[in-house]
C-alpha atoms as a PDB file:
ATOM      1  CA  MET A   1      -0.047  -0.416   0.201  1.00  0.00           C
ATOM      2  CA  ALA A   2       1.715   3.269  -0.841  1.00  0.00           C
ATOM      3  CA  LYS A   3       1.898   6.293   1.373  1.00  0.00           C
ATOM      4  CA  ARG A   4      -0.523   9.041   0.736  1.00  0.00           C
ATOM      5  CA  LYS A   5       1.124  12.850   0.416  1.00  0.00           C
ATOM      6  CA  GLN A   6       0.682  14.829   3.274  1.00  0.00           C
ATOM      7  CA  GLY A   7      -1.503  18.059   3.485  1.00  0.00           C
ATOM      8  CA  GLY A   8      -0.508  21.225   4.520  1.00  0.00           C
ATOM      9  CA  LEU A   9      -1.612  20.966   8.098  1.00  0.00           C
ATOM     10  CA  GLU A  10      -0.360  17.722   8.277  1.00  0.00           C
ATOM     11  CA  MET A  11       2.979  19.014   7.585  1.00  0.00           C
ATOM     12  CA  VAL A  12       2.612  21.665   9.990  1.00  0.00           C
ATOM     13  CA  ALA A  13       1.232  19.126  12.881  1.00  0.00           C
ATOM     14  CA  ALA A  14       4.431  17.146  12.041  1.00  0.00           C
ATOM     15  CA  MET A  15       6.557  19.713  13.017  1.00  0.00           C
ATOM     16  CA  PRO A  16       7.368  21.178  16.767  1.00  0.00           C
ATOM     17  CA  TRP A  17       4.404  22.618  17.771  1.00  0.00           C
ATOM     18  CA  PRO A  18       6.424  26.329  17.859  1.00  0.00           C
ATOM     19  CA  MET A  19       6.691  26.145  14.273  1.00  0.00           C
ATOM     20  CA  GLY A  20       2.870  26.126  13.956  1.00  0.00           C
ATOM     21  CA  ILE A  21       1.813  28.961  16.073  1.00  0.00           C
ATOM     22  CA  VAL A  22       4.462  31.066  14.415  1.00  0.00           C
ATOM     23  CA  ILE A  23       3.589  29.730  10.561  1.00  0.00           C
ATOM     24  CA  GLY A  24      -0.179  30.548  11.711  1.00  0.00           C
ATOM     25  CA  LEU A  25       0.713  34.056  12.900  1.00  0.00           C
ATOM     26  CA  LEU A  26       2.748  34.943   9.822  1.00  0.00           C
ATOM     27  CA  GLY A  27       0.442  33.626   7.438  1.00  0.00           C
ATOM     28  CA  TYR A  28      -2.436  35.492   9.198  1.00  0.00           C
ATOM     29  CA  ILE A  29       0.038  38.867   8.729  1.00  0.00           C
ATOM     30  CA  ALA A  30       0.597  37.888   5.143  1.00  0.00           C
ATOM     31  CA  VAL A  31      -3.032  37.225   4.073  1.00  0.00           C
ATOM     32  CA  ARG A  32      -4.462  39.984   6.154  1.00  0.00           C
ATOM     33  CA  TYR A  33      -1.687  43.386   5.399  1.00  0.00           C
ATOM     34  CA  GLY A  34       0.660  41.487   2.745  1.00  0.00           C
ATOM     35  CA  VAL A  35      -1.732  41.027  -0.054  1.00  0.00           C
ATOM     36  CA  GLY A  36      -3.244  44.257  -0.096  1.00  0.00           C
ATOM     37  CA  TRP A  37       0.486  45.717  -0.113  1.00  0.00           C
ATOM     38  CA  TYR A  38       1.653  43.821  -3.031  1.00  0.00           C
ATOM     39  CA  LEU A  39      -1.492  44.343  -5.231  1.00  0.00           C
ATOM     40  CA  GLY A  40      -1.279  47.994  -4.371  1.00  0.00           C
ATOM     41  CA  THR A  41       2.169  48.213  -5.639  1.00  0.00           C
ATOM     42  CA  THR A  42       1.578  46.520  -8.818  1.00  0.00           C
ATOM     43  CA  GLY A  43       0.785  50.268 -10.945  1.00  0.00           C
ATOM     44  CA  ASN A  44      -2.185  47.839 -12.184  1.00  0.00           C
ATOM     45  CA  PRO A  45      -5.600  49.689 -11.629  1.00  0.00           C
ATOM     46  CA  TYR A  46      -8.013  46.744 -11.276  1.00  0.00           C
ATOM     47  CA  LEU A  47      -4.991  45.020  -9.084  1.00  0.00           C
ATOM     48  CA  SER A  48      -4.907  48.205  -7.050  1.00  0.00           C
ATOM     49  CA  GLY A  49      -8.673  48.330  -6.639  1.00  0.00           C
ATOM     50  CA  LEU A  50      -8.726  44.716  -5.147  1.00  0.00           C
ATOM     51  CA  GLY A  51      -5.433  45.657  -2.963  1.00  0.00           C
ATOM     52  CA  GLN A  52      -7.890  48.699  -1.554  1.00  0.00           C
ATOM     53  CA  MET A  53     -10.189  45.740  -1.006  1.00  0.00           C
ATOM     54  CA  ALA A  54      -7.884  43.761   0.686  1.00  0.00           C
ATOM     55  CA  SER A  55      -6.313  46.198   2.683  1.00  0.00           C
ATOM     56  CA  ALA A  56      -9.848  46.880   3.836  1.00  0.00           C
ATOM     57  CA  GLY A  57     -10.346  43.166   5.343  1.00  0.00           C
ATOM     58  CA  ILE A  58     -12.016  41.333   2.910  1.00  0.00           C
ATOM     59  CA  TYR A  59      -9.793  38.911   3.218  1.00  0.00           C
ATOM     60  CA  ALA A  60      -9.660  38.969   6.673  1.00  0.00           C
ATOM     61  CA  PRO A  61     -11.564  35.420   7.197  1.00  0.00           C
ATOM     62  CA  LEU A  62      -9.417  33.856   5.289  1.00  0.00           C
ATOM     63  CA  GLY A  63      -6.333  34.612   7.381  1.00  0.00           C
ATOM     64  CA  TRP A  64      -8.029  33.610  10.603  1.00  0.00           C
ATOM     65  CA  MET A  65      -8.882  30.363   8.492  1.00  0.00           C
ATOM     66  CA  LEU A  66      -5.404  29.838   8.120  1.00  0.00           C
ATOM     67  CA  LEU A  67      -4.086  31.232  11.547  1.00  0.00           C
ATOM     68  CA  VAL A  68      -6.993  28.694  13.427  1.00  0.00           C
ATOM     69  CA  GLY A  69      -5.771  26.161  11.151  1.00  0.00           C
ATOM     70  CA  CYS A  70      -2.140  26.259  12.156  1.00  0.00           C
ATOM     71  CA  TRP A  71      -2.825  26.505  15.469  1.00  0.00           C
ATOM     72  CA  ILE A  72      -5.223  23.241  15.625  1.00  0.00           C
ATOM     73  CA  ALA A  73      -2.157  21.447  13.826  1.00  0.00           C
ATOM     74  CA  ALA A  74       0.168  22.845  16.560  1.00  0.00           C
ATOM     75  CA  VAL A  75      -1.888  21.712  18.925  1.00  0.00           C
ATOM     76  CA  GLY A  76      -2.141  18.465  17.551  1.00  0.00           C
ATOM     77  CA  SER A  77       1.538  18.362  17.241  1.00  0.00           C
ATOM     78  CA  PHE A  78       1.853  19.016  20.860  1.00  0.00           C
ATOM     79  CA  ILE A  79      -0.402  15.732  22.026  1.00  0.00           C
ATOM     80  CA  GLY A  80       1.932  13.931  19.235  1.00  0.00           C
ATOM     81  CA  ARG A  81       4.713  14.281  21.300  1.00  0.00           C
ATOM     82  CA  ALA A  82       3.237  13.443  24.495  1.00  0.00           C
ATOM     83  CA  ARG A  83       1.797  10.377  23.192  1.00  0.00           C
ATOM     84  CA  ARG A  84       5.398   9.534  21.394  1.00  0.00           C
ATOM     85  CA  ARG A  85       6.980  10.357  25.172  1.00  0.00           C
ATOM     86  CA  ARG A  86       4.562   8.269  26.962  1.00  0.00           C
ATOM     87  CA  LEU A  87       5.240   5.723  24.477  1.00  0.00           C
ATOM     88  CA  PHE A  88       8.903   5.400  24.460  1.00  0.00           C
ATOM     89  CA  ASP A  89       9.084   5.494  28.420  1.00  0.00           C
ATOM     90  CA  SER A  90       6.848   2.879  28.596  1.00  0.00           C
ATOM     91  CA  GLN A  91       8.789   0.016  26.697  1.00  0.00           C
ATOM     92  CA  THR A  92      10.043  -3.280  28.886  1.00  0.00           C
ATOM     93  CA  GLY A  93      11.170  -5.694  26.341  1.00  0.00           C
ATOM     94  CA  ILE A  94      11.014  -7.235  23.471  1.00  0.00           C
ATOM     95  CA  GLU A  95       7.451  -8.270  23.803  1.00  0.00           C
ATOM     96  CA  SER A  96       6.303  -4.691  24.225  1.00  0.00           C
ATOM     97  CA  LEU A  97       7.720  -3.934  20.782  1.00  0.00           C
ATOM     98  CA  ARG A  98       5.811  -6.803  19.492  1.00  0.00           C
ATOM     99  CA  GLN A  99       2.295  -5.331  20.822  1.00  0.00           C
ATOM    100  CA  MET A 100       2.077  -2.334  19.182  1.00  0.00           C
ATOM    101  CA  SER A 101       1.664  -1.425  15.735  1.00  0.00           C
ATOM    102  CA  TRP A 102       3.778  -0.664  12.829  1.00  0.00           C
ATOM    103  CA  ARG A 103       3.122   2.873  13.035  1.00  0.00           C
ATOM    104  CA  GLN A 104       3.838   3.010  16.844  1.00  0.00           C
ATOM    105  CA  PHE A 105       7.043   1.176  16.213  1.00  0.00           C
ATOM    106  CA  GLU A 106       8.364   3.722  13.555  1.00  0.00           C
ATOM    107  CA  GLN A 107       7.103   6.376  15.853  1.00  0.00           C
ATOM    108  CA  LEU A 108       9.049   4.705  18.505  1.00  0.00           C
ATOM    109  CA  THR A 109      11.921   4.548  16.241  1.00  0.00           C
ATOM    110  CA  GLY A 110      11.832   8.450  15.346  1.00  0.00           C
ATOM    111  CA  GLU A 111      11.735   9.205  19.431  1.00  0.00           C
ATOM    112  CA  ALA A 112      14.762   6.894  19.683  1.00  0.00           C
ATOM    113  CA  PHE A 113      16.655   8.891  17.291  1.00  0.00           C
ATOM    114  CA  ARG A 114      15.277  12.364  18.245  1.00  0.00           C
ATOM    115  CA  ARG A 115      16.588  11.610  21.660  1.00  0.00           C
ATOM    116  CA  GLN A 116      19.853  11.001  20.463  1.00  0.00           C
ATOM    117  CA  GLY A 117      19.902  14.717  18.829  1.00  0.00           C
ATOM    118  CA  TYR A 118      18.387  14.303  15.126  1.00  0.00           C
ATOM    119  CA  SER A 119      16.162  16.335  13.850  1.00  0.00           C
ATOM    120  CA  VAL A 120      13.343  13.719  12.189  1.00  0.00           C
ATOM    121  CA  ASP A 121      11.344  13.935   9.803  1.00  0.00           C
ATOM    122  CA  GLU A 122       8.381  11.588  10.117  1.00  0.00           C
ATOM    123  CA  ASN A 123       7.678  10.546   6.126  1.00  0.00           C
ATOM    124  CA  GLY A 124       3.808  10.298   6.260  1.00  0.00           C
ATOM    125  CA  LEU A 125       3.590   7.472   8.450  1.00  0.00           C
ATOM    126  CA  GLY A 126       0.801   6.564   5.952  1.00  0.00           C
ATOM    127  CA  GLY A 127       1.553   3.203   5.165  1.00  0.00           C
ATOM    128  CA  ALA A 128       2.887  -0.345   6.271  1.00  0.00           C
ATOM    129  CA  ASP A 129       5.216  -0.538   3.180  1.00  0.00           C
ATOM    130  CA  GLY A 130       8.708  -0.336   2.597  1.00  0.00           C
ATOM    131  CA  GLY A 131      10.875   2.786   1.358  1.00  0.00           C
ATOM    132  CA  ILE A 132      11.782   5.585   3.146  1.00  0.00           C
ATOM    133  CA  ASP A 133       9.963   5.611   6.758  1.00  0.00           C
ATOM    134  CA  LEU A 134      12.339   8.590   8.352  1.00  0.00           C
ATOM    135  CA  PHE A 135      14.346  10.941   7.451  1.00  0.00           C
ATOM    136  CA  LEU A 136      17.193  12.269   9.990  1.00  0.00           C
ATOM    137  CA  ARG A 137      19.273  15.243   9.909  1.00  0.00           C
ATOM    138  CA  LYS A 138      22.331  15.893  11.989  1.00  0.00           C
ATOM    139  CA  ALA A 139      25.386  18.147  11.246  1.00  0.00           C
ATOM    140  CA  ASP A 140      24.364  19.213   7.776  1.00  0.00           C
ATOM    141  CA  GLN A 141      23.766  15.201   7.006  1.00  0.00           C
ATOM    142  CA  THR A 142      20.806  13.433   6.143  1.00  0.00           C
ATOM    143  CA  THR A 143      20.552   9.478   7.171  1.00  0.00           C
ATOM    144  CA  LEU A 144      17.715   7.448   5.582  1.00  0.00           C
ATOM    145  CA  VAL A 145      15.504   4.919   7.936  1.00  0.00           C
ATOM    146  CA  GLN A 146      13.553   2.167   7.415  1.00  0.00           C
ATOM    147  CA  CYS A 147      11.437   0.274   9.831  1.00  0.00           C
ATOM    148  CA  LYS A 148      10.664  -3.390   9.431  1.00  0.00           C
ATOM    149  CA  GLN A 149       8.240  -4.839  11.911  1.00  0.00           C
ATOM    150  CA  TRP A 150       8.214  -8.298  10.656  1.00  0.00           C
ATOM    151  CA  LYS A 151       7.231 -10.612  13.730  1.00  0.00           C
ATOM    152  CA  ARG A 152       8.458 -13.910  11.944  1.00  0.00           C
ATOM    153  CA  GLN A 153      10.437 -12.825   8.757  1.00  0.00           C
ATOM    154  CA  GLN A 154      13.916 -12.448   8.730  1.00  0.00           C
ATOM    155  CA  VAL A 155      15.223  -8.976   6.541  1.00  0.00           C
ATOM    156  CA  GLY A 156      16.926 -10.170   3.310  1.00  0.00           C
ATOM    157  CA  VAL A 157      19.436  -8.744   0.755  1.00  0.00           C
ATOM    158  CA  LYS A 158      16.530  -7.300  -1.054  1.00  0.00           C
ATOM    159  CA  GLU A 159      15.364  -4.901   1.229  1.00  0.00           C
ATOM    160  CA  VAL A 160      19.263  -4.091   1.668  1.00  0.00           C
ATOM    161  CA  ARG A 161      20.069  -3.440  -1.726  1.00  0.00           C
ATOM    162  CA  GLU A 162      16.826  -1.454  -2.190  1.00  0.00           C
ATOM    163  CA  MET A 163      17.897   1.030   0.878  1.00  0.00           C
ATOM    164  CA  TYR A 164      21.358   1.347  -0.609  1.00  0.00           C
ATOM    165  CA  GLY A 165      19.693   2.627  -3.871  1.00  0.00           C
ATOM    166  CA  LEU A 166      17.950   5.176  -2.391  1.00  0.00           C
ATOM    167  CA  LEU A 167      21.179   6.492  -0.097  1.00  0.00           C
ATOM    168  CA  PHE A 168      22.525   7.720  -3.598  1.00  0.00           C
ATOM    169  CA  HIS A 169      19.017   8.795  -5.301  1.00  0.00           C
ATOM    170  CA  HIS A 170      18.331  11.016  -1.923  1.00  0.00           C
ATOM    171  CA  GLN A 171      22.306  12.063  -2.046  1.00  0.00           C
ATOM    172  CA  ALA A 172      22.121  10.608   1.508  1.00  0.00           C
ATOM    173  CA  ALA A 173      25.276  10.253   4.188  1.00  0.00           C
ATOM    174  CA  ALA A 174      23.806   6.711   5.585  1.00  0.00           C
ATOM    175  CA  VAL A 175      20.968   4.475   5.703  1.00  0.00           C
ATOM    176  CA  LYS A 176      19.803   2.436   9.378  1.00  0.00           C
ATOM    177  CA  ILE A 177      17.407  -0.266   8.749  1.00  0.00           C
ATOM    178  CA  VAL A 178      15.645  -1.020  12.378  1.00  0.00           C
ATOM    179  CA  ALA A 179      13.735  -4.222  12.374  1.00  0.00           C
ATOM    180  CA  LEU A 180      12.034  -6.085  15.130  1.00  0.00           C
ATOM    181  CA  GLY A 181      13.852  -9.517  14.170  1.00  0.00           C
ATOM    182  CA  GLU A 182      17.057 -10.585  12.469  1.00  0.00           C
ATOM    183  CA  TYR A 183      18.892 -10.322   9.337  1.00  0.00           C
ATOM    184  CA  THR A 184      19.428 -12.999   6.824  1.00  0.00           C
ATOM    185  CA  SER A 185      23.630 -13.352   6.399  1.00  0.00           C
ATOM    186  CA  GLU A 186      23.222 -12.174   2.139  1.00  0.00           C
ATOM    187  CA  ALA A 187      22.026  -9.328   3.767  1.00  0.00           C
ATOM    188  CA  ARG A 188      24.563  -8.685   6.696  1.00  0.00           C
ATOM    189  CA  ARG A 189      27.431  -9.807   3.788  1.00  0.00           C
ATOM    190  CA  PHE A 190      25.797  -6.944   1.504  1.00  0.00           C
ATOM    191  CA  ALA A 191      25.648  -4.217   4.607  1.00  0.00           C
ATOM    192  CA  HIS A 192      29.727  -5.127   5.239  1.00  0.00           C
ATOM    193  CA  GLY A 193      31.669  -2.005   4.466  1.00  0.00           C
ATOM    194  CA  LYS A 194      28.876   0.340   3.089  1.00  0.00           C
ATOM    195  CA  PRO A 195      27.278   3.073   5.226  1.00  0.00           C
ATOM    196  CA  ILE A 196      24.250   0.791   6.249  1.00  0.00           C
ATOM    197  CA  GLU A 197      24.124   0.433   9.811  1.00  0.00           C
ATOM    198  CA  LEU A 198      21.442  -3.121  10.262  1.00  0.00           C
ATOM    199  CA  ILE A 199      19.661  -2.867  13.350  1.00  0.00           C
ATOM    200  CA  HIS A 200      18.022  -5.394  15.700  1.00  0.00           C
ATOM    201  CA  GLY A 201      15.017  -5.430  18.265  1.00  0.00           C
ATOM    202  CA  GLY A 202      17.110  -6.398  21.166  1.00  0.00           C
ATOM    203  CA  GLU A 203      19.425  -3.356  20.058  1.00  0.00           C
ATOM    204  CA  LEU A 204      16.407  -1.151  19.812  1.00  0.00           C
ATOM    205  CA  ILE A 205      15.125  -1.869  23.320  1.00  0.00           C
ATOM    206  CA  ALA A 206      18.496  -1.793  25.124  1.00  0.00           C
ATOM    207  CA  THR A 207      18.639   1.789  23.073  1.00  0.00           C
ATOM    208  CA  VAL A 208      15.125   3.080  24.323  1.00  0.00           C
ATOM    209  CA  ASN A 209      16.340   1.874  28.270  1.00  0.00           C
ATOM    210  CA  THR A 210      19.016   4.134  28.300  1.00  0.00           C
ATOM    211  CA  LEU A 211      17.226   6.885  26.801  1.00  0.00           C
ATOM    212  CA  LYS A 212      14.175   6.581  29.093  1.00  0.00           C
ATOM    213  CA  THR A 213      13.165   9.837  30.642  1.00  0.00           C
ATOM    214  CA  PRO A 214      13.433   9.652  34.737  1.00  0.00           C
ATOM    215  CA  LYS A 215      10.384   9.318  36.077  1.00  0.00           C
ATOM    216  CA  ALA A 216      11.757  11.989  38.813  1.00  0.00           C
ATOM    217  CA  GLN A 217      12.408  14.420  35.760  1.00  0.00           C
ATOM    218  CA  PRO A 218      10.465  17.201  35.895  1.00  0.00           C
ATOM    219  CA  ARG A 219       8.603  18.259  31.905  1.00  0.00           C
ATOM    220  CA  ALA A 220      10.874  19.977  29.340  1.00  0.00           C
ATOM    221  CA  THR A 221       9.172  23.509  28.746  1.00  0.00           C
ATOM    222  CA  MET A 222       7.707  22.465  25.302  1.00  0.00           C
ATOM    223  CA  ASP A 223       6.014  19.568  27.102  1.00  0.00           C
ATOM    224  CA  ARG A 224       4.064  21.870  29.342  1.00  0.00           C
ATOM    225  CA  PRO A 225       0.450  22.785  28.048  1.00  0.00           C
ATOM    226  CA  LEU A 226       0.692  26.342  29.962  1.00  0.00           C
ATOM    227  CA  VAL A 227       3.363  27.194  27.352  1.00  0.00           C
ATOM    228  CA  LEU A 228       1.744  26.338  24.832  1.00  0.00           C
ATOM    229  CA  ALA A 229      -1.838  28.089  25.662  1.00  0.00           C
ATOM    230  CA  GLY A 230       0.821  30.992  26.818  1.00  0.00           C
ATOM    231  CA  SER A 231       2.218  30.541  23.159  1.00  0.00           C
ATOM    232  CA  MET A 232      -1.570  31.339  21.187  1.00  0.00           C
ATOM    233  CA  PHE A 233      -2.218  34.344  23.968  1.00  0.00           C
ATOM    234  CA  ALA A 234       0.658  36.444  23.069  1.00  0.00           C
ATOM    235  CA  GLY A 235       0.063  35.693  19.585  1.00  0.00           C
ATOM    236  CA  LEU A 236      -3.835  36.907  19.782  1.00  0.00           C
ATOM    237  CA  ILE A 237      -2.291  39.819  21.487  1.00  0.00           C
ATOM    238  CA  VAL A 238      -0.073  40.515  18.424  1.00  0.00           C
ATOM    239  CA  VAL A 239      -2.610  40.364  16.060  1.00  0.00           C
ATOM    240  CA  ALA A 240      -4.726  42.891  18.298  1.00  0.00           C
ATOM    241  CA  ALA A 241      -1.710  45.098  18.314  1.00  0.00           C
ATOM    242  CA  ILE A 242      -1.318  45.438  14.612  1.00  0.00           C
ATOM    243  CA  SER A 243      -5.608  45.561  13.828  1.00  0.00           C
ATOM    244  CA  PRO A 244      -6.228  48.766  12.173  1.00  0.00           C
ATOM    245  CA  SER A 245      -9.663  48.127  14.331  1.00  0.00           C
ATOM    246  CA  THR A 246      -8.124  48.929  17.304  1.00  0.00           C
ATOM    247  CA  HIS A 247      -6.307  52.216  16.179  1.00  0.00           C
ATOM    248  CA  THR A 248      -9.516  53.355  14.811  1.00  0.00           C
ATOM    249  CA  ALA A 249     -11.757  52.841  17.893  1.00  0.00           C
ATOM    250  CA  SER A 250      -9.387  54.779  20.096  1.00  0.00           C
ATOM    251  CA  SER A 251      -9.201  57.664  17.455  1.00  0.00           C
ATOM    252  CA  ALA A 252     -13.087  57.677  18.009  1.00  0.00           C
ATOM    253  CA  ALA A 253     -13.367  57.619  21.482  1.00  0.00           C
ATOM    254  CA  ALA A 254     -11.113  60.927  21.758  1.00  0.00           C
ATOM    255  CA  PRO A 255     -13.583  63.794  22.421  1.00  0.00           C
ATOM    256  CA  ALA A 256     -13.699  66.034  19.217  1.00  0.00           C
ATOM    257  CA  GLN A 257     -12.878  69.751  20.321  1.00  0.00           C
ATOM    258  CA  ALA A 258     -15.103  72.493  19.939  1.00  0.00           C
ATOM    259  CA  THR A 259     -13.800  75.382  17.695  1.00  0.00           C
ATOM    260  CA  PRO A 260     -15.165  79.289  18.647  1.00  0.00           C
ATOM    261  CA  TYR A 261     -17.112  80.709  16.123  1.00  0.00           C
ATOM    262  CA  ARG A 262     -18.522  84.330  15.834  1.00  0.00           C
ATOM    263  CA  ALA A 263     -21.911  85.238  13.745  1.00  0.00           C
ATOM    264  CA  THR A 264     -21.391  87.941  11.477  1.00  0.00           C
ATOM    265  CA  GLN A 265     -24.591  89.296  10.074  1.00  0.00           C
ATOM    266  CA  PRO A 266     -27.865  88.051  11.479  1.00  0.00           C
ATOM    267  CA  GLY A 267     -29.383  85.292   9.072  1.00  0.00           C
ATOM    268  CA  SER A 268     -26.049  85.454   6.834  1.00  0.00           C
ATOM    269  CA  GLY A 269     -25.361  81.619   7.678  1.00  0.00           C
ATOM    270  CA  HIS A 270     -21.223  82.555   7.559  1.00  0.00           C
ATOM    271  CA  VAL A 271     -19.133  82.485  10.282  1.00  0.00           C
ATOM    272  CA  ARG A 272     -15.592  83.621  11.040  1.00  0.00           C
ATOM    273  CA  PRO A 273     -13.091  82.553  13.885  1.00  0.00           C
ATOM    274  CA  MET A 274     -12.866  84.637  16.597  1.00  0.00           C
ATOM    275  CA  ALA A 275      -9.901  86.727  16.317  1.00  0.00           C
ATOM    276  CA  SER A 276      -9.166  88.558  18.933  1.00  0.00           C
ATOM    277  CA  ARG A 277     -11.074  89.357  22.837  1.00  0.00           C
ATOM    278  CA  ALA A 278     -11.306  93.211  22.175  1.00  0.00           C
ATOM    279  CA  ALA A 279     -14.201  93.992  20.298  1.00  0.00           C
ATOM    280  CA  PRO A 280     -15.840  97.271  19.945  1.00  0.00           C
ATOM    281  CA  ARG A 281     -19.315  95.545  20.736  1.00  0.00           C
ATOM    282  CA  GLN A 282     -20.387  92.691  22.298  1.00  0.00           C
ATOM    283  CA  GLN A 283     -19.753  89.207  20.461  1.00  0.00           C
ATOM    284  CA  ALA A 284     -22.386  86.497  19.953  1.00  0.00           C
ATOM    285  CA  ILE A 285     -19.549  83.736  20.809  1.00  0.00           C
ATOM    286  CA  ILE A 286     -20.962  80.143  19.158  1.00  0.00           C
ATOM    287  CA  TYR A 287     -19.085  76.801  19.594  1.00  0.00           C
ATOM    288  CA  ALA A 288     -19.865  74.222  17.238  1.00  0.00           C
ATOM    289  CA  SER A 289     -18.393  71.963  15.377  1.00  0.00           C
ATOM    290  CA  ASN A 290     -18.975  72.286  11.390  1.00  0.00           C
ATOM    291  CA  PRO A 291     -21.989  71.818   9.762  1.00  0.00           C
ATOM    292  CA  ARG A 292     -21.559  68.260   7.747  1.00  0.00           C
ATOM    293  CA  ASN A 293     -25.249  67.964   6.058  1.00  0.00           C
ATOM    294  CA  ASP A 294     -27.984  70.578   4.916  1.00  0.00           C
ATOM    295  CA  ALA A 295     -30.195  70.416   8.232  1.00  0.00           C
ATOM    296  CA  GLN A 296     -27.467  70.880  10.600  1.00  0.00           C
ATOM    297  CA  LEU A 297     -26.639  74.064   8.673  1.00  0.00           C
ATOM    298  CA  ARG A 298     -30.216  75.059   8.204  1.00  0.00           C
ATOM    299  CA  GLU A 299     -30.651  74.660  12.190  1.00  0.00           C
ATOM    300  CA  TRP A 300     -27.587  76.759  12.777  1.00  0.00           C
ATOM    301  CA  LYS A 301     -28.990  79.338  10.777  1.00  0.00           C
ATOM    302  CA  LYS A 302     -32.048  79.574  12.442  1.00  0.00           C
ATOM    303  CA  ARG A 303     -30.348  79.583  16.326  1.00  0.00           C
ATOM    304  CA  ASN A 304     -27.700  82.382  14.977  1.00  0.00           C
ATOM    305  CA  ALA A 305     -30.263  84.146  13.957  1.00  0.00           C
ATOM    306  CA  GLU A 306     -32.088  84.057  17.007  1.00  0.00           C
ATOM    307  CA  SER A 307     -29.334  85.144  19.003  1.00  0.00           C
ATOM    308  CA  MET A 308     -28.450  87.933  17.416  1.00  0.00           C
ATOM    309  CA  LYS A 309     -31.975  89.399  17.757  1.00  0.00           C
ATOM    310  CA  ILE A 310     -31.965  89.032  21.332  1.00  0.00           C
ATOM    311  CA  LEU A 311     -28.750  91.007  21.293  1.00  0.00           C
ATOM    312  CA  GLU A 312     -29.870  93.642  19.142  1.00  0.00           C
ATOM    313  CA  LYS A 313     -32.500  94.105  21.873  1.00  0.00           C
ATOM    314  CA  THR A 314     -30.548  93.382  24.640  1.00  0.00           C
ATOM    315  CA  THR A 315     -27.515  95.944  24.048  1.00  0.00           C
ATOM    316  CA  ARG A 316     -27.413  99.443  24.125  1.00  0.00           C
ATOM    317  CA  GLU A 317     -25.367 101.534  21.194  1.00  0.00           C
ATOM    318  CA  LEU A 318     -22.153 102.997  22.495  1.00  0.00           C
ATOM    319  CA  PRO A 319     -22.402 107.088  22.312  1.00  0.00           C
ATOM    320  CA  ARG A 320     -20.788 108.994  19.584  1.00  0.00           C
ATOM    321  CA  ARG A 321     -18.356 111.122  20.393  1.00  0.00           C
END
């Protein structure tokens, strides 16, 4: 059965969970703001219009979907890491290796190499056939790993030859074959003198027992749920900080300052800013915002005219010299 290809979120879930948090955050920023900025710089009127729509938030739901999807994959990576740790630390011997599924066998093998300092890329874990199951990377070198959980059959020279061919195809440094059982004598003779390491079940369980985490040892930082939750919360703070709605709301909350105006002639409908406090006669000072529509303008004219009539009745003229 051939292994199916991984999807985008599955690839994120296969990474360490902090990578999923960062990729989701960067993806949201790119979709929410990067698309509009890029389209606006093309100089094409049609694309510039799309860029304005993107900057206004038309693609914001897509950005949120990408963010949430990557963060769900990060949670899956966190859970998978915890399961591998428990699976690894619970092994007692060859019989416990025989009882696990082929998928668990691959996960156990990957965790063993991970604890030896390798960067492990699980190649899909989507089938029980041969081929490359793990890519190990360390010191800029790649090692190919094949896992064989054959309980009654020895690994023959054919499987070793196939992995040796893949060594040159991928330009890798070495090949490791991890089997639950043993290898035939022909397979061992073929691997002799070549960058091929044949690991049987006894060697694997010995390595597992050596690398087990002591029960008294505290959890690593990446294995703590509060660290995962705190990383997500910090990401939401970053999203809120760069969101334009935050700045718009703060600007709208600031009270508008009134500008002093004085009326010129009754019913004129025109106003001028007050130039000086000293004036030959009493002035009608009105603090108002600029009229924005006809209804406001008519109401302002009406009140201004009424104020001027009251002033003319109550203010005495200065005597002429």
